[in-house]
């Protein structure tokens, strides 16, 4: 296992970096310079970032070092570099949302999560690549080159938090913020061999994203959107959750804090273990085609949970196939009048699939039928979870596929629509349940495969604890993609 005394800043975890900066082993300024050098060395090929904030990062690092010199506490993320998805507002920094529509927009206020990571001492490296308004799971954007999967740059890293995942997978940043309205944290985490966490609805407040009615496109997805961490380890995800979770009056869905010890839930020797737990394992939810490589990799990984003392039962939740209703839910959450106004001005420079969605003549019956389907699925899921502590599924139905398409047309010999590969994800946005993607293993040709751990609503501690226990048995976060080129930039060794 790599430790802080053995790894340079690119390979060290956020937990290790914060501890090393606090101890004086390394300065925040040194860490940020190493991170910026790594971005310079790698990002010309991988396109993780759409906006670098070098001056801001150096100023924030200087503030951390000055606070430590005064004997002050700079916060739990003291000097840790972080990448921020370009759908998440950052005051004074361009936030384009992957669209020409917001090409010149510089927010006057941070999103709540950005406020919190800044206050906690994090160093913002820049904004990361997204598809237009997040309306693609394959990372396409009309305003920037596509982010590339560091395990194979000809393949997609997934979306919509594409650049955030690439930045973490290659060691440009140990932490990244992504958003997840239908899997957009878990998708790139799975395809890039990372940890991606969507907490219970309301754990992490959002504003202005999803909730500021002045900004069409940006104000979509409100009842299903989450913001969450993308990291290389469950411990780092828990560290970031400890900073960004908690109520805020700007988000009427936000939950009171205090019932989850985020870092304690994943610590070694935690009281949260798997002995006596009942886990349901569904390889396909009863209706999804799944690539045999994914099916076999996840099935082998599930055996680890039995070794850890859990009772694993193969069981499908018995839900109706909801895939035909997904976009009705999204568009019912959107400002169609405002977005149609944007299309009228910018049609030729917007993503064709997004324009098609916006211009479609949606009916009230389509929206209300979709809402009833959502309620049905949510009720089916909570009833199913009465019999189980956790549910495990593949995160995605396929490994990474070539850049330039929205999804494969053939899975396990079956012709499918372009969104079929995402079928394990959006239902848990609908239900608000916590869902964690962790690396399950790799295909024979070296592509990551993700495993999804789902808990009942508000069962966040149990989900993270299970992920941490699995990770200790299967420490895939110490395996690096070839495109990360670790060791190519000067790195000072960290020590405890």
Protein backbone atom coordinates (compact mmCIF):
# COMPACT_ATOMS: atom_id res chain seq x y z
CA UNK A 1 0.00 0.00 0.00
CA UNK A 2 1.29 3.46 -0.88
CA UNK A 3 1.77 5.70 2.15
CA UNK A 4 2.41 9.40 2.50
CA UNK A 5 6.08 8.70 3.09
CA UNK A 6 6.35 6.79 -0.18
CA UNK A 7 4.19 8.87 -2.55
CA UNK A 8 4.62 12.21 -4.18
CA UNK A 9 1.74 14.71 -4.15
CA UNK A 10 0.22 13.26 -7.31
CA UNK A 11 -0.09 9.82 -5.74
CA UNK A 12 -0.93 10.80 -2.16
CA UNK A 13 -4.50 10.88 -0.90
CA UNK A 14 -6.27 14.02 0.24
CA UNK A 15 -6.13 12.72 3.80
CA UNK A 16 -2.36 12.29 3.51
CA UNK A 17 -1.79 15.67 1.86
CA UNK A 18 -3.77 17.57 4.49
CA UNK A 19 -1.88 15.77 7.27
CA UNK A 20 1.50 16.47 5.67
CA UNK A 21 0.73 20.18 5.24
CA UNK A 22 -0.46 20.44 8.83
CA UNK A 23 2.69 18.74 10.11
CA UNK A 24 4.94 21.06 8.14
CA UNK A 25 6.42 18.22 6.08
CA UNK A 26 5.39 20.08 2.94
CA UNK A 27 3.84 23.48 2.35
CA UNK A 28 0.56 24.17 0.62
CA UNK A 29 2.52 26.26 -1.88
CA UNK A 30 4.71 23.29 -2.79
CA UNK A 31 1.70 21.02 -3.19
CA UNK A 32 -0.11 23.44 -5.47
CA UNK A 33 2.96 23.98 -7.65
CA UNK A 34 3.30 20.23 -8.10
CA UNK A 35 -0.39 19.98 -8.96
CA UNK A 36 -0.22 22.81 -11.50
CA UNK A 37 2.87 21.26 -13.09
CA UNK A 38 1.01 18.00 -13.42
CA UNK A 39 -1.95 19.68 -15.09
CA UNK A 40 0.45 21.34 -17.53
CA UNK A 41 2.16 18.03 -18.28
CA UNK A 42 -0.97 15.94 -18.83
CA UNK A 43 -3.99 18.03 -19.68
CA UNK A 44 -3.01 18.98 -23.20
CA UNK A 45 -3.87 15.41 -24.19
CA UNK A 46 -6.65 14.55 -21.74
CA UNK A 47 -8.69 17.80 -21.55
CA UNK A 48 -9.83 17.53 -17.94
CA UNK A 49 -9.91 21.30 -17.42
CA UNK A 50 -11.75 24.01 -19.32
CA UNK A 51 -10.53 26.83 -17.05
CA UNK A 52 -7.38 26.86 -14.96
CA UNK A 53 -7.25 29.09 -11.89
CA UNK A 54 -3.52 29.11 -11.22
CA UNK A 55 -3.41 32.55 -9.60
CA UNK A 56 -6.36 31.75 -7.36
CA UNK A 57 -4.84 28.42 -6.36
CA UNK A 58 -1.52 30.02 -5.44
CA UNK A 59 -3.28 32.70 -3.40
CA UNK A 60 -5.36 30.12 -1.55
CA UNK A 61 -2.27 28.02 -0.83
CA UNK A 62 -0.50 31.09 0.52
CA UNK A 63 -3.46 31.73 2.84
CA UNK A 64 -3.20 28.18 4.19
CA UNK A 65 0.54 28.49 4.82
CA UNK A 66 0.06 31.88 6.48
CA UNK A 67 -2.68 30.49 8.74
CA UNK A 68 -0.45 27.63 9.83
CA UNK A 69 2.43 30.02 10.47
CA UNK A 70 0.14 32.02 12.79
CA UNK A 71 -0.90 28.87 14.59
CA UNK A 72 -4.44 29.03 13.16
CA UNK A 73 -6.45 26.10 11.87
CA UNK A 74 -6.85 26.46 8.07
CA UNK A 75 -9.58 23.81 7.96
CA UNK A 76 -9.88 20.06 7.32
CA UNK A 77 -8.88 20.39 3.65
CA UNK A 78 -5.79 22.45 4.46
CA UNK A 79 -4.00 23.01 1.16
CA UNK A 80 -5.58 20.05 -0.66
CA UNK A 81 -6.03 20.70 -4.41
CA UNK A 82 -9.55 20.27 -5.73
CA UNK A 83 -11.13 20.37 -9.21
CA UNK A 84 -14.64 21.78 -9.64
CA UNK A 85 -17.09 20.69 -12.33
CA UNK A 86 -18.03 23.52 -14.66
CA UNK A 87 -21.73 23.21 -13.83
CA UNK A 88 -20.94 24.33 -10.26
CA UNK A 89 -20.83 28.11 -9.79
CA UNK A 90 -17.53 29.67 -8.73
CA UNK A 91 -17.45 33.35 -7.85
CA UNK A 92 -15.11 35.35 -10.06
CA UNK A 93 -14.29 32.35 -12.28
CA UNK A 94 -15.93 31.62 -15.66
CA UNK A 95 -18.61 28.95 -15.32
CA UNK A 96 -19.66 28.12 -18.87
CA UNK A 97 -21.81 25.03 -18.22
CA UNK A 98 -20.31 23.50 -21.35
CA UNK A 99 -22.34 25.91 -23.49
CA UNK A 100 -21.86 28.95 -25.70
CA UNK A 101 -24.91 30.35 -23.92
CA UNK A 102 -22.83 30.98 -20.78
CA UNK A 103 -19.53 31.50 -22.54
CA UNK A 104 -18.90 34.85 -20.83
CA UNK A 105 -20.66 34.20 -17.52
CA UNK A 106 -18.70 34.86 -14.34
CA UNK A 107 -20.84 34.15 -11.26
CA UNK A 108 -21.03 36.69 -8.47
CA UNK A 109 -21.40 33.97 -5.84
CA UNK A 110 -20.09 30.49 -5.17
CA UNK A 111 -22.28 27.46 -5.07
CA UNK A 112 -22.73 26.36 -1.45
CA UNK A 113 -20.28 23.47 -1.86
CA UNK A 114 -17.59 25.77 -3.27
CA UNK A 115 -18.09 28.16 -0.35
CA UNK A 116 -17.56 25.24 1.99
CA UNK A 117 -14.45 23.74 0.40
CA UNK A 118 -12.84 27.16 0.21
CA UNK A 119 -13.65 27.80 3.87
CA UNK A 120 -12.17 24.37 4.70
CA UNK A 121 -8.81 25.34 3.16
CA UNK A 122 -9.02 23.59 -0.22
CA UNK A 123 -7.12 24.99 -3.19
CA UNK A 124 -9.22 25.30 -6.37
CA UNK A 125 -7.19 24.29 -9.45
CA UNK A 126 -9.88 25.11 -11.99
CA UNK A 127 -13.14 24.14 -13.69
CA UNK A 128 -13.53 20.78 -15.38
CA UNK A 129 -14.96 19.66 -18.72
CA UNK A 130 -18.71 18.97 -18.99
CA UNK A 131 -21.21 18.29 -21.78
CA UNK A 132 -23.68 21.08 -22.42
CA UNK A 133 -25.69 21.68 -19.20
CA UNK A 134 -24.83 18.11 -18.17
CA UNK A 135 -27.22 16.59 -20.75
CA UNK A 136 -24.92 13.76 -21.81
CA UNK A 137 -23.42 10.78 -20.04
CA UNK A 138 -20.59 10.51 -22.54
CA UNK A 139 -18.84 13.83 -21.96
CA UNK A 140 -19.51 15.67 -25.25
CA UNK A 141 -19.36 19.48 -25.29
CA UNK A 142 -19.74 21.97 -28.13
CA UNK A 143 -17.29 24.43 -26.55
CA UNK A 144 -14.28 22.27 -25.61
CA UNK A 145 -12.46 19.14 -26.74
CA UNK A 146 -13.85 15.95 -25.20
CA UNK A 147 -12.19 14.75 -22.04
CA UNK A 148 -10.37 11.47 -22.62
CA UNK A 149 -10.25 8.35 -20.51
CA UNK A 150 -6.71 7.98 -19.09
CA UNK A 151 -6.96 4.18 -19.22
CA UNK A 152 -7.39 4.45 -22.99
CA UNK A 153 -7.55 7.96 -24.46
CA UNK A 154 -9.59 6.74 -27.43
CA UNK A 155 -12.45 5.98 -25.04
CA UNK A 156 -14.87 8.16 -23.12
CA UNK A 157 -14.34 8.85 -19.41
CA UNK A 158 -18.12 9.15 -19.08
CA UNK A 159 -20.10 12.17 -18.03
CA UNK A 160 -21.33 14.48 -17.18
CA UNK A 161 -18.60 14.97 -14.55
CA UNK A 162 -16.07 13.94 -17.19
CA UNK A 163 -13.18 16.31 -16.52
CA UNK A 164 -13.48 15.95 -12.75
CA UNK A 165 -12.93 12.20 -13.02
CA UNK A 166 -10.01 12.55 -15.43
CA UNK A 167 -8.32 15.04 -13.10
CA UNK A 168 -8.54 12.64 -10.16
CA UNK A 169 -7.69 9.49 -12.11
CA UNK A 170 -4.41 11.03 -13.28
CA UNK A 171 -3.38 12.64 -10.01
CA UNK A 172 -3.88 16.22 -11.20
CA UNK A 173 -6.09 16.64 -8.13
CA UNK A 174 -6.87 14.22 -5.28
CA UNK A 175 -10.41 15.60 -4.92
CA UNK A 176 -13.07 16.75 -7.35
CA UNK A 177 -16.63 17.96 -7.10
CA UNK A 178 -19.13 16.51 -9.53
CA UNK A 179 -22.89 16.69 -9.91
CA UNK A 180 -25.22 13.74 -10.31
CA UNK A 181 -28.76 14.13 -11.67
CA UNK A 182 -28.91 10.67 -13.18
CA UNK A 183 -25.53 9.12 -12.44
CA UNK A 184 -23.10 11.84 -13.46
CA UNK A 185 -20.74 11.28 -10.52
CA UNK A 186 -20.96 7.51 -10.59
CA UNK A 187 -20.64 7.13 -14.38
CA UNK A 188 -17.13 8.62 -14.78
CA UNK A 189 -16.06 7.11 -11.47
CA UNK A 190 -16.89 3.67 -12.85
CA UNK A 191 -15.26 4.22 -16.23
CA UNK A 192 -12.12 5.80 -14.76
CA UNK A 193 -11.54 3.42 -11.82
CA UNK A 194 -12.54 5.84 -9.05
CA UNK A 195 -14.85 6.32 -6.11
CA UNK A 196 -17.97 8.39 -6.80
CA UNK A 197 -20.59 9.13 -4.17
CA UNK A 198 -24.16 10.38 -4.42
CA UNK A 199 -25.38 10.91 -0.86
CA UNK A 200 -28.99 10.75 0.28
CA UNK A 201 -31.06 13.55 -1.24
CA UNK A 202 -30.68 16.64 0.92
CA UNK A 203 -27.35 15.76 2.54
CA UNK A 204 -25.48 18.20 0.28
CA UNK A 205 -27.28 21.49 -0.38
CA UNK A 206 -27.30 23.12 -3.81
CA UNK A 207 -27.55 26.78 -4.74
CA UNK A 208 -27.50 28.58 -7.15
CA UNK A 209 -27.21 25.44 -9.27
CA UNK A 210 -30.69 23.95 -10.01
CA UNK A 211 -32.43 26.63 -7.97
CA UNK A 212 -31.75 30.08 -9.41
CA UNK A 213 -34.59 30.73 -11.81
CA UNK A 214 -32.66 33.50 -13.58
CA UNK A 215 -30.45 31.02 -15.43
CA UNK A 216 -32.23 28.72 -17.93
CA UNK A 217 -30.44 25.41 -18.42
CA UNK A 218 -28.51 25.84 -15.23
CA UNK A 219 -31.77 25.80 -13.23
CA UNK A 220 -32.76 22.28 -14.35
CA UNK A 221 -32.80 18.87 -12.59
CA UNK A 222 -33.89 20.30 -9.21
CA UNK A 223 -35.68 17.29 -7.70
CA UNK A 224 -33.04 14.75 -8.77
CA UNK A 225 -29.70 16.64 -8.69
CA UNK A 226 -26.97 15.90 -6.16
CA UNK A 227 -23.42 17.18 -5.75
CA UNK A 228 -20.83 14.69 -4.59
CA UNK A 229 -17.17 13.74 -4.40
CA UNK A 230 -15.05 11.97 -6.98
CA UNK A 231 -11.91 10.57 -5.34
CA UNK A 232 -9.44 7.72 -5.40
CA UNK A 233 -10.54 6.29 -2.05
CA UNK A 234 -13.63 6.04 0.14
CA UNK A 235 -11.73 7.79 2.96
CA UNK A 236 -11.15 10.81 0.72
CA UNK A 237 -14.83 10.82 -0.27
CA UNK A 238 -15.81 10.79 3.40
CA UNK A 239 -13.39 13.65 4.11
CA UNK A 240 -14.99 15.77 1.40
CA UNK A 241 -18.49 14.82 2.56
CA UNK A 242 -17.60 15.99 6.07
CA UNK A 243 -17.06 19.45 4.59
CA UNK A 244 -19.88 19.79 2.06
CA UNK A 245 -22.76 18.07 3.90
CA UNK A 246 -25.18 19.90 6.17
CA UNK A 247 -28.19 22.20 5.92
CA UNK A 248 -28.46 25.57 4.23
CA UNK A 249 -31.54 27.81 4.05
CA UNK A 250 -31.02 28.34 0.32
CA UNK A 251 -31.92 24.70 -0.35
CA UNK A 252 -35.34 23.72 0.95
CA UNK A 253 -34.46 20.04 0.51
CA UNK A 254 -31.38 20.18 2.77
CA UNK A 255 -31.34 17.93 5.82
CA UNK A 256 -30.16 18.66 9.36
CA UNK A 257 -26.58 17.68 10.12
CA UNK A 258 -25.36 15.51 12.94
CA UNK A 259 -26.57 11.96 12.31
CA UNK A 260 -23.55 10.86 10.24
CA UNK A 261 -19.93 10.81 11.37
CA UNK A 262 -18.61 10.84 7.83
CA UNK A 263 -14.97 10.09 8.57
CA UNK A 264 -15.73 7.81 11.49
CA UNK A 265 -17.92 5.63 9.30
CA UNK A 266 -14.94 4.63 7.14
CA UNK A 267 -12.14 4.53 9.70
CA UNK A 268 -10.32 1.25 10.31
CA UNK A 269 -11.84 -0.61 13.23
CA UNK A 270 -15.16 1.21 12.85
CA UNK A 271 -18.13 -0.31 14.62
CA UNK A 272 -19.84 -0.32 11.22
CA UNK A 273 -19.00 -3.76 9.83
CA UNK A 274 -20.74 -6.29 7.62
CA UNK A 275 -21.21 -9.12 10.09
CA UNK A 276 -24.85 -10.07 10.08
CA UNK A 277 -25.80 -7.65 7.29
CA UNK A 278 -28.18 -8.79 4.57
CA UNK A 279 -27.13 -7.63 1.11
CA UNK A 280 -29.16 -8.02 -2.06
CA UNK A 281 -27.17 -8.48 -5.25
CA UNK A 282 -28.85 -7.78 -8.57
CA UNK A 283 -26.75 -8.32 -11.68
CA UNK A 284 -29.26 -6.68 -14.04
CA UNK A 285 -32.27 -5.36 -12.05
CA UNK A 286 -34.24 -8.07 -13.80
CA UNK A 287 -34.40 -6.36 -17.19
CA UNK A 288 -31.09 -4.76 -18.24
CA UNK A 289 -28.65 -6.21 -20.77
CA UNK A 290 -25.17 -6.29 -19.21
CA UNK A 291 -21.79 -6.79 -20.87
CA UNK A 292 -20.42 -10.22 -19.81
CA UNK A 293 -17.15 -8.57 -18.75
CA UNK A 294 -19.01 -6.36 -16.31
CA UNK A 295 -21.22 -9.18 -15.09
CA UNK A 296 -18.30 -11.50 -14.30
CA UNK A 297 -16.12 -8.79 -12.72
CA UNK A 298 -18.86 -7.58 -10.39
CA UNK A 299 -19.98 -11.12 -9.51
CA UNK A 300 -16.43 -11.96 -8.44
CA UNK A 301 -16.20 -8.77 -6.40
CA UNK A 302 -19.47 -9.51 -4.60
CA UNK A 303 -17.89 -12.62 -3.10
CA UNK A 304 -15.71 -10.28 -1.03
CA UNK A 305 -18.78 -9.09 0.87
CA UNK A 306 -19.53 -12.67 1.89
CA UNK A 307 -15.96 -13.10 3.08
CA UNK A 308 -16.48 -9.97 5.19
CA UNK A 309 -19.38 -11.62 7.00
CA UNK A 310 -22.43 -10.45 5.09
CA UNK A 311 -25.21 -12.67 3.82
CA UNK A 312 -25.53 -11.97 0.10
CA UNK A 313 -28.77 -12.91 -1.62
CA UNK A 314 -29.35 -12.66 -5.37
CA UNK A 315 -32.54 -10.64 -5.61
CA UNK A 316 -34.03 -8.12 -8.03
CA UNK A 317 -35.97 -5.15 -6.64
CA UNK A 318 -38.88 -5.99 -8.92
CA UNK A 319 -39.22 -2.48 -10.28
CA UNK A 320 -40.86 -1.60 -13.57
CA UNK A 321 -38.43 -0.59 -16.31
CA UNK A 322 -38.42 3.23 -16.03
CA UNK A 323 -36.05 4.13 -18.83
CA UNK A 324 -38.64 5.60 -21.19
CA UNK A 325 -39.64 8.16 -18.55
CA UNK A 326 -36.19 9.55 -17.68
CA UNK A 327 -36.18 12.60 -19.94
CA UNK A 328 -39.77 13.45 -19.04
CA UNK A 329 -38.64 13.77 -15.41
CA UNK A 330 -35.66 15.93 -16.37
CA UNK A 331 -37.60 18.24 -18.66
CA UNK A 332 -40.43 18.65 -16.15
CA UNK A 333 -37.74 19.97 -13.78
CA UNK A 334 -36.48 22.44 -16.40
CA UNK A 335 -37.32 25.94 -17.60
CA UNK A 336 -38.59 24.98 -21.02
CA UNK A 337 -39.65 28.52 -21.90
CA UNK A 338 -36.24 29.91 -21.00
CA UNK A 339 -34.33 27.08 -22.68
CA UNK A 340 -36.37 27.44 -25.87
CA UNK A 341 -35.39 31.09 -25.86
CA UNK A 342 -31.74 30.04 -25.70
CA UNK A 343 -32.24 27.65 -28.62
CA UNK A 344 -33.82 30.43 -30.64
CA UNK A 345 -30.63 32.47 -30.23
CA UNK A 346 -27.93 29.79 -30.32
CA UNK A 347 -29.38 26.72 -32.06
CA UNK A 348 -26.50 26.12 -34.50
CA UNK A 349 -23.92 26.20 -31.71
CA UNK A 350 -25.76 23.96 -29.24
CA UNK A 351 -25.67 20.16 -28.91
CA UNK A 352 -28.15 18.64 -31.39
CA UNK A 353 -29.51 16.08 -28.92
CA UNK A 354 -30.17 18.86 -26.38
CA UNK A 355 -31.90 21.03 -28.98
CA UNK A 356 -34.09 18.07 -29.90
CA UNK A 357 -35.11 17.56 -26.27
CA UNK A 358 -35.91 21.23 -25.75
CA UNK A 359 -37.91 21.60 -28.96
CA UNK A 360 -39.93 18.44 -28.50
CA UNK A 361 -43.63 19.21 -27.94
CA UNK A 362 -43.94 17.78 -24.46
CA UNK A 363 -47.44 17.24 -23.08
CA UNK A 364 -48.75 17.62 -19.55
CA UNK A 365 -49.75 13.96 -19.66
CA UNK A 366 -46.17 12.89 -20.42
CA UNK A 367 -44.91 14.83 -17.42
CA UNK A 368 -47.57 13.64 -14.99
CA UNK A 369 -47.35 10.02 -16.15
CA UNK A 370 -43.59 10.15 -15.57
CA UNK A 371 -44.14 11.55 -12.09
CA UNK A 372 -46.50 8.71 -11.27
CA UNK A 373 -43.95 6.22 -12.58
CA UNK A 374 -41.34 7.83 -10.37
CA UNK A 375 -43.57 7.45 -7.33
CA UNK A 376 -44.22 3.83 -8.23
CA UNK A 377 -40.49 3.06 -8.56
CA UNK A 378 -39.67 4.86 -5.30
CA UNK A 379 -42.30 2.85 -3.46
CA UNK A 380 -41.07 -0.39 -5.00
CA UNK A 381 -37.53 0.41 -3.87
CA UNK A 382 -38.28 1.32 -0.25
CA UNK A 383 -40.41 -1.77 0.14
CA UNK A 384 -37.62 -3.92 -1.27
CA UNK A 385 -35.07 -2.35 1.07
CA UNK A 386 -37.16 -3.34 4.10
CA UNK A 387 -35.63 -6.80 3.71
CA UNK A 388 -32.02 -5.77 3.10
CA UNK A 389 -29.38 -3.51 4.61
CA UNK A 390 -27.75 -2.81 1.24
CA UNK A 391 -28.21 -3.45 -2.46
CA UNK A 392 -25.27 -4.13 -4.79
CA UNK A 393 -25.39 -3.78 -8.58
CA UNK A 394 -22.93 -3.04 -11.35
CA UNK A 395 -22.55 0.71 -11.68
CA UNK A 396 -22.81 0.57 -15.46
CA UNK A 397 -23.75 -2.12 -17.94
CA UNK A 398 -20.56 -1.68 -19.98
CA UNK A 399 -16.90 -0.65 -19.66
CA UNK A 400 -15.69 2.47 -21.46
CA UNK A 401 -16.53 2.78 -25.17
CA UNK A 402 -15.21 5.05 -27.97
CA UNK A 403 -15.51 8.80 -27.79
CA UNK A 404 -18.07 10.30 -30.14
CA UNK A 405 -21.17 8.23 -29.35
CA UNK A 406 -23.78 8.55 -26.60
CA UNK A 407 -23.65 4.85 -25.83
CA UNK A 408 -23.23 1.41 -27.41
CA UNK A 409 -26.00 0.06 -29.63
CA UNK A 410 -25.27 -3.57 -28.79
CA UNK A 411 -24.89 -5.01 -25.27
CA UNK A 412 -24.51 -8.76 -24.68
CA UNK A 413 -25.87 -9.48 -28.14
CA UNK A 414 -28.99 -7.32 -27.73
CA UNK A 415 -29.75 -4.18 -29.70
CA UNK A 416 -30.35 -1.35 -27.24
CA UNK A 417 -31.02 2.37 -27.19
CA UNK A 418 -28.07 4.68 -26.52
CA UNK A 419 -28.97 5.15 -22.86
CA UNK A 420 -29.42 1.50 -21.90
CA UNK A 421 -25.93 1.26 -20.39
CA UNK A 422 -27.01 3.77 -17.69
CA UNK A 423 -29.94 1.76 -16.39
CA UNK A 424 -28.56 1.11 -12.89
CA UNK A 425 -28.35 4.77 -11.93
CA UNK A 426 -31.21 7.22 -12.31
CA UNK A 427 -33.70 5.29 -10.18
CA UNK A 428 -31.65 6.15 -7.10
CA UNK A 429 -31.76 9.83 -8.00
CA UNK A 430 -35.53 9.47 -8.14
CA UNK A 431 -35.64 7.75 -4.75
CA UNK A 432 -33.00 9.89 -3.07
CA UNK A 433 -31.12 6.82 -1.81
CA UNK A 434 -27.35 6.98 -1.19
CA UNK A 435 -25.31 5.25 -3.89
CA UNK A 436 -21.56 4.68 -4.00
CA UNK A 437 -19.52 3.49 -6.98
CA UNK A 438 -16.25 1.77 -6.13
CA UNK A 439 -13.80 -0.02 -8.44
CA UNK A 440 -14.75 -3.71 -8.67
CA UNK A 441 -11.85 -4.76 -10.87
CA UNK A 442 -10.70 -4.63 -14.48
CA UNK A 443 -11.51 -6.28 -17.77
CA UNK A 444 -8.93 -8.45 -19.50
CA UNK A 445 -7.86 -5.46 -21.59
CA UNK A 446 -7.38 -3.26 -18.52
CA UNK A 447 -10.57 -1.19 -18.38
CA UNK A 448 -12.08 -0.36 -14.98
CA UNK A 449 -15.42 -1.77 -13.90
CA UNK A 450 -17.47 -0.18 -11.13
CA UNK A 451 -19.64 -1.76 -8.45
CA UNK A 452 -22.53 0.22 -6.94
CA UNK A 453 -23.49 -0.01 -3.26
CA UNK A 454 -26.95 1.38 -2.46
CA UNK A 455 -28.51 1.92 0.93
CA UNK A 456 -31.94 2.96 2.17
CA UNK A 457 -32.65 6.69 2.24
CA UNK A 458 -30.43 8.26 4.94
CA UNK A 459 -28.34 5.08 5.14
CA UNK A 460 -25.18 6.94 4.15
CA UNK A 461 -22.93 5.70 6.97
CA UNK A 462 -23.63 2.05 6.16
CA UNK A 463 -22.98 2.58 2.44
CA UNK A 464 -19.64 4.30 3.00
CA UNK A 465 -18.60 1.76 5.65
CA UNK A 466 -19.31 -1.12 3.26
CA UNK A 467 -17.35 0.62 0.51
CA UNK A 468 -14.38 1.20 2.80
CA UNK A 469 -14.36 -2.42 3.98
CA UNK A 470 -14.53 -3.70 0.40
CA UNK A 471 -11.78 -1.30 -0.65
CA UNK A 472 -9.43 -2.60 2.05
CA UNK A 473 -9.86 -6.09 0.65
CA UNK A 474 -9.64 -4.93 -3.00
CA UNK A 475 -7.42 -1.81 -3.03
CA UNK A 476 -7.82 -0.87 -6.68
CA UNK A 477 -7.19 2.81 -5.88
CA UNK A 478 -3.46 2.04 -5.89
CA UNK A 479 -3.54 1.05 -9.57
CA UNK A 480 -2.85 3.92 -11.94
CA UNK A 481 -3.73 4.39 -15.64
CA UNK A 482 -0.87 4.54 -18.10
CA UNK A 483 -1.94 7.99 -19.31
CA UNK A 484 -1.39 9.40 -15.81
CA UNK A 485 2.37 9.16 -16.41
CA UNK A 486 3.06 9.18 -12.67
CA UNK A 487 6.50 10.34 -11.82
CA UNK A 488 6.98 12.54 -14.89
CA UNK A 489 6.85 15.79 -12.92
CA UNK A 490 9.14 16.83 -10.06
CA UNK A 491 7.53 15.75 -6.79
CA UNK A 492 8.66 16.27 -3.24
CA UNK A 493 8.10 13.19 -1.10
CA UNK A 494 5.50 13.51 1.65
CA UNK A 495 6.05 12.05 5.08
CA UNK A 496 3.89 11.61 8.11
